[in-house]
Amino acid sequence: MNVKERAKYAWGRIVDLFKPKKPEIEVDIEEITEDNSDVFSEQIVEPQEEVDAENLSPSVPDRSGGEEAVPSRMTDEYKAWLAEQLEADESRNESDA
C-alpha cells in the first residue's frame, strides 16, 4: 500500500466511526389499546425485606460466612469536637433571633 491508499483507508475508518448506524435488531412497537390492555393490567409485587428497627447496627459479611460488626468511626475526640460545633451553632442561632 502506498501512502495515499493508507490515508484514504484511515480517513474512511474515521468517517465510519461518526456515521449513525442502523440497529442490528429490529423491534416491532405495538400500541396499547383497549383490546390488549388486560395483558398489562397485572401488577408485579416484589417481596420487600423486613427491617428490624432495634437492630440497625451495620455489619459486613465475614469471609468465613458469619457477620462481623463494623466498628464506629466516631472517636471521643470527634464527638467532643462535634458537640462544640453544635453548641456554637445553637448560640449563633439564639443571638440571631
N, C-alpha and C. Protein backbone atom coordinates (compact mmCIF):
# COMPACT_ATOMS: atom_id res chain seq x y z
N MET A 1 0.83 -1.18 0.00
CA MET A 1 0.00 0.00 0.00
C MET A 1 0.88 1.25 0.00
N ASN A 2 0.50 2.19 -0.79
CA ASN A 2 1.26 3.42 -0.74
C ASN A 2 0.60 4.39 0.25
N VAL A 3 1.19 5.54 0.40
CA VAL A 3 0.75 6.49 1.43
C VAL A 3 -0.66 6.99 1.14
N LYS A 4 -0.99 7.28 -0.10
CA LYS A 4 -2.32 7.79 -0.43
C LYS A 4 -3.40 6.76 -0.13
N GLU A 5 -3.14 5.51 -0.46
CA GLU A 5 -4.12 4.45 -0.18
C GLU A 5 -4.32 4.27 1.33
N ARG A 6 -3.25 4.31 2.08
CA ARG A 6 -3.33 4.17 3.54
C ARG A 6 -4.09 5.33 4.15
N ALA A 7 -3.84 6.54 3.64
CA ALA A 7 -4.54 7.72 4.16
C ALA A 7 -6.03 7.64 3.84
N LYS A 8 -6.36 7.20 2.62
CA LYS A 8 -7.76 7.07 2.22
C LYS A 8 -8.46 6.03 3.10
N TYR A 9 -7.80 4.92 3.35
CA TYR A 9 -8.37 3.87 4.19
C TYR A 9 -8.58 4.38 5.62
N ALA A 10 -7.57 5.07 6.16
CA ALA A 10 -7.66 5.59 7.53
C ALA A 10 -8.79 6.62 7.63
N TRP A 11 -8.89 7.51 6.65
CA TRP A 11 -9.94 8.52 6.68
C TRP A 11 -11.32 7.86 6.58
N GLY A 12 -11.45 6.84 5.78
CA GLY A 12 -12.71 6.11 5.69
C GLY A 12 -13.10 5.48 7.01
N ARG A 13 -12.13 4.94 7.72
CA ARG A 13 -12.40 4.35 9.04
C ARG A 13 -12.85 5.41 10.04
N ILE A 14 -12.22 6.59 9.98
CA ILE A 14 -12.59 7.67 10.89
C ILE A 14 -14.01 8.14 10.60
N VAL A 15 -14.34 8.30 9.34
CA VAL A 15 -15.69 8.74 8.95
C VAL A 15 -16.72 7.71 9.38
N ASP A 16 -16.41 6.45 9.25
CA ASP A 16 -17.34 5.39 9.65
C ASP A 16 -17.66 5.43 11.14
N LEU A 17 -16.71 5.88 11.94
CA LEU A 17 -16.95 5.96 13.38
C LEU A 17 -18.04 6.96 13.73
N PHE A 18 -18.19 8.00 12.92
CA PHE A 18 -19.14 9.06 13.22
C PHE A 18 -20.44 8.97 12.44
N LYS A 19 -20.59 7.97 11.59
CA LYS A 19 -21.84 7.78 10.86
C LYS A 19 -22.85 7.08 11.77
N PRO A 20 -24.11 7.51 11.71
CA PRO A 20 -25.12 6.79 12.50
C PRO A 20 -25.29 5.37 11.95
N LYS A 21 -25.41 4.43 12.88
CA LYS A 21 -25.54 3.04 12.47
C LYS A 21 -26.97 2.57 12.65
N LYS A 22 -27.40 1.67 11.80
CA LYS A 22 -28.72 1.08 11.93
C LYS A 22 -28.63 -0.01 13.01
N PRO A 23 -29.66 -0.14 13.82
CA PRO A 23 -29.63 -1.21 14.82
C PRO A 23 -29.64 -2.57 14.16
N GLU A 24 -28.93 -3.50 14.77
CA GLU A 24 -28.87 -4.85 14.23
C GLU A 24 -30.16 -5.62 14.45
N ILE A 25 -30.91 -5.23 15.49
CA ILE A 25 -32.15 -5.91 15.82
C ILE A 25 -33.30 -4.94 15.57
N GLU A 26 -34.27 -5.36 14.83
CA GLU A 26 -35.44 -4.53 14.60
C GLU A 26 -36.50 -4.88 15.63
N VAL A 27 -37.14 -3.85 16.17
CA VAL A 27 -38.14 -4.04 17.21
C VAL A 27 -39.48 -3.57 16.69
N ASP A 28 -40.50 -4.39 16.82
CA ASP A 28 -41.85 -4.01 16.45
C ASP A 28 -42.51 -3.37 17.67
N ILE A 29 -43.01 -2.17 17.49
CA ILE A 29 -43.66 -1.45 18.58
C ILE A 29 -45.16 -1.59 18.40
N GLU A 30 -45.81 -2.05 19.45
CA GLU A 30 -47.25 -2.25 19.39
C GLU A 30 -47.90 -1.30 20.38
N GLU A 31 -48.89 -0.56 19.92
CA GLU A 31 -49.57 0.38 20.78
C GLU A 31 -50.54 -0.35 21.70
N ILE A 32 -50.70 0.20 22.89
CA ILE A 32 -51.64 -0.39 23.85
C ILE A 32 -53.03 0.14 23.53
N THR A 33 -53.92 -0.75 23.28
CA THR A 33 -55.31 -0.39 23.02
C THR A 33 -56.19 -1.08 24.05
N GLU A 34 -57.46 -0.83 23.98
CA GLU A 34 -58.37 -1.45 24.94
C GLU A 34 -58.42 -2.97 24.76
N ASP A 35 -58.15 -3.42 23.54
CA ASP A 35 -58.19 -4.85 23.28
C ASP A 35 -57.08 -5.61 24.00
N ASN A 36 -55.89 -5.03 24.05
CA ASN A 36 -54.77 -5.74 24.66
C ASN A 36 -54.33 -5.10 25.97
N SER A 37 -55.15 -4.22 26.56
CA SER A 37 -54.76 -3.57 27.81
C SER A 37 -54.80 -4.52 28.99
N ASP A 38 -55.58 -5.60 28.90
CA ASP A 38 -55.66 -6.55 30.01
C ASP A 38 -54.36 -7.31 30.22
N VAL A 39 -53.53 -7.39 29.20
CA VAL A 39 -52.23 -8.06 29.31
C VAL A 39 -51.33 -7.29 30.26
N PHE A 40 -51.46 -5.95 30.22
CA PHE A 40 -50.58 -5.11 31.03
C PHE A 40 -51.20 -4.71 32.35
N SER A 41 -52.37 -5.19 32.65
CA SER A 41 -53.04 -4.77 33.88
C SER A 41 -52.54 -5.51 35.12
N GLU A 42 -51.81 -6.59 34.93
CA GLU A 42 -51.28 -7.32 36.08
C GLU A 42 -50.22 -6.49 36.78
N GLN A 43 -50.29 -6.43 38.07
CA GLN A 43 -49.30 -5.68 38.83
C GLN A 43 -48.28 -6.66 39.40
N ILE A 44 -47.05 -6.26 39.30
CA ILE A 44 -45.97 -7.10 39.80
C ILE A 44 -45.65 -6.64 41.22
N VAL A 45 -45.72 -7.56 42.15
CA VAL A 45 -45.43 -7.24 43.54
C VAL A 45 -44.12 -7.92 43.91
N GLU A 46 -43.14 -7.10 44.26
CA GLU A 46 -41.85 -7.65 44.65
C GLU A 46 -41.81 -7.80 46.17
N PRO A 47 -41.25 -8.88 46.66
CA PRO A 47 -41.15 -9.03 48.11
C PRO A 47 -40.20 -7.99 48.69
N GLN A 48 -40.59 -7.43 49.82
CA GLN A 48 -39.76 -6.43 50.47
C GLN A 48 -39.12 -7.03 51.71
N GLU A 49 -37.90 -6.58 51.96
CA GLU A 49 -37.21 -7.08 53.14
C GLU A 49 -37.75 -6.38 54.38
N GLU A 50 -37.88 -7.14 55.46
CA GLU A 50 -38.31 -6.54 56.71
C GLU A 50 -37.09 -6.01 57.45
N VAL A 51 -37.21 -4.81 58.00
CA VAL A 51 -36.10 -4.18 58.70
C VAL A 51 -36.43 -4.14 60.18
N ASP A 52 -35.53 -4.64 60.98
CA ASP A 52 -35.68 -4.60 62.42
C ASP A 52 -35.10 -3.28 62.91
N ALA A 53 -35.96 -2.36 63.36
CA ALA A 53 -35.52 -1.02 63.74
C ALA A 53 -34.62 -1.04 64.97
N GLU A 54 -34.75 -2.04 65.81
CA GLU A 54 -33.94 -2.10 67.02
C GLU A 54 -32.53 -2.58 66.73
N ASN A 55 -32.35 -3.38 65.69
CA ASN A 55 -31.04 -3.93 65.35
C ASN A 55 -30.54 -3.31 64.05
N LEU A 56 -30.19 -2.05 64.07
CA LEU A 56 -29.72 -1.39 62.87
C LEU A 56 -28.21 -1.23 62.86
N SER A 57 -27.51 -2.05 63.60
CA SER A 57 -26.05 -1.95 63.60
C SER A 57 -25.53 -2.45 62.27
N PRO A 58 -24.68 -1.65 61.61
CA PRO A 58 -24.16 -2.10 60.31
C PRO A 58 -23.24 -3.30 60.48
N SER A 59 -23.31 -4.20 59.54
CA SER A 59 -22.45 -5.37 59.61
C SER A 59 -21.97 -5.72 58.21
N VAL A 60 -20.83 -6.35 58.15
CA VAL A 60 -20.29 -6.79 56.87
C VAL A 60 -20.10 -8.30 56.93
N PRO A 61 -20.30 -8.97 55.80
CA PRO A 61 -20.12 -10.42 55.84
C PRO A 61 -18.64 -10.78 56.03
N ASP A 62 -18.42 -11.71 56.90
CA ASP A 62 -17.07 -12.19 57.17
C ASP A 62 -16.73 -13.24 56.11
N ARG A 63 -15.46 -13.39 55.78
CA ARG A 63 -15.08 -14.38 54.76
C ARG A 63 -15.38 -15.80 55.20
N SER A 64 -15.51 -16.01 56.48
CA SER A 64 -15.80 -17.35 56.96
C SER A 64 -17.29 -17.65 56.90
N GLY A 65 -18.11 -16.65 56.47
CA GLY A 65 -19.53 -16.90 56.33
C GLY A 65 -20.36 -16.19 57.37
N GLY A 66 -19.78 -15.83 58.51
CA GLY A 66 -20.52 -15.13 59.55
C GLY A 66 -20.53 -13.64 59.27
N GLU A 67 -21.13 -12.87 60.17
CA GLU A 67 -21.13 -11.42 60.01
C GLU A 67 -20.34 -10.80 61.14
N GLU A 68 -19.63 -9.74 60.80
CA GLU A 68 -18.77 -9.06 61.75
C GLU A 68 -19.27 -7.62 61.87
N ALA A 69 -19.43 -7.11 63.08
CA ALA A 69 -19.92 -5.75 63.28
C ALA A 69 -18.86 -4.75 62.82
N VAL A 70 -19.32 -3.68 62.17
CA VAL A 70 -18.42 -2.63 61.71
C VAL A 70 -18.17 -1.68 62.87
N PRO A 71 -16.91 -1.41 63.19
CA PRO A 71 -16.63 -0.51 64.31
C PRO A 71 -17.03 0.91 63.96
N SER A 72 -17.41 1.67 64.98
CA SER A 72 -17.80 3.06 64.78
C SER A 72 -16.58 3.90 64.49
N ARG A 73 -16.71 4.84 63.57
CA ARG A 73 -15.61 5.73 63.23
C ARG A 73 -15.61 6.99 64.09
N MET A 74 -16.61 7.13 64.94
CA MET A 74 -16.71 8.32 65.78
C MET A 74 -15.85 8.14 67.03
N THR A 75 -14.71 8.80 67.05
CA THR A 75 -13.84 8.73 68.21
C THR A 75 -14.33 9.72 69.26
N ASP A 76 -13.81 9.59 70.47
CA ASP A 76 -14.19 10.51 71.53
C ASP A 76 -13.81 11.95 71.18
N GLU A 77 -12.64 12.10 70.55
CA GLU A 77 -12.18 13.43 70.16
C GLU A 77 -13.14 14.05 69.14
N TYR A 78 -13.60 13.24 68.19
CA TYR A 78 -14.52 13.74 67.18
C TYR A 78 -15.87 14.08 67.81
N LYS A 79 -16.34 13.24 68.73
CA LYS A 79 -17.60 13.52 69.41
C LYS A 79 -17.54 14.82 70.17
N ALA A 80 -16.41 15.10 70.84
CA ALA A 80 -16.25 16.34 71.58
C ALA A 80 -16.25 17.53 70.62
N TRP A 81 -15.53 17.41 69.51
CA TRP A 81 -15.50 18.50 68.52
C TRP A 81 -16.89 18.75 67.94
N LEU A 82 -17.63 17.68 67.66
CA LEU A 82 -18.97 17.81 67.12
C LEU A 82 -19.89 18.50 68.11
N ALA A 83 -19.77 18.14 69.38
CA ALA A 83 -20.60 18.78 70.41
C ALA A 83 -20.29 20.27 70.48
N GLU A 84 -19.01 20.66 70.39
CA GLU A 84 -18.64 22.07 70.39
C GLU A 84 -19.24 22.80 69.19
N GLN A 85 -19.22 22.15 68.04
CA GLN A 85 -19.78 22.77 66.83
C GLN A 85 -21.28 22.98 66.97
N LEU A 86 -21.98 21.98 67.52
CA LEU A 86 -23.42 22.11 67.71
C LEU A 86 -23.76 23.20 68.70
N GLU A 87 -22.98 23.30 69.78
CA GLU A 87 -23.20 24.36 70.77
C GLU A 87 -22.96 25.73 70.15
N ALA A 88 -21.93 25.86 69.33
CA ALA A 88 -21.63 27.13 68.68
C ALA A 88 -22.75 27.51 67.71
N ASP A 89 -23.28 26.54 66.99
CA ASP A 89 -24.40 26.81 66.07
C ASP A 89 -25.64 27.25 66.83
N GLU A 90 -25.92 26.58 67.95
CA GLU A 90 -27.08 26.93 68.76
C GLU A 90 -26.94 28.34 69.33
N SER A 91 -25.75 28.68 69.79
CA SER A 91 -25.57 30.02 70.36
C SER A 91 -25.67 31.10 69.27
N ARG A 92 -25.20 30.82 68.05
CA ARG A 92 -25.34 31.77 66.94
C ARG A 92 -26.81 31.93 66.57
N ASN A 93 -27.56 30.82 66.56
CA ASN A 93 -28.99 30.90 66.23
C ASN A 93 -29.76 31.68 67.28
N GLU A 94 -29.40 31.52 68.56
CA GLU A 94 -30.08 32.25 69.63
C GLU A 94 -29.75 33.73 69.56
N SER A 95 -28.52 34.09 69.22
CA SER A 95 -28.15 35.51 69.15
C SER A 95 -28.76 36.18 67.92
N ASP A 96 -29.01 35.42 66.85
CA ASP A 96 -29.63 35.98 65.65
C ASP A 96 -31.12 36.24 65.86
N ALA A 97 -31.75 35.46 66.72
CA ALA A 97 -33.21 35.59 66.92
C ALA A 97 -33.59 36.70 67.83
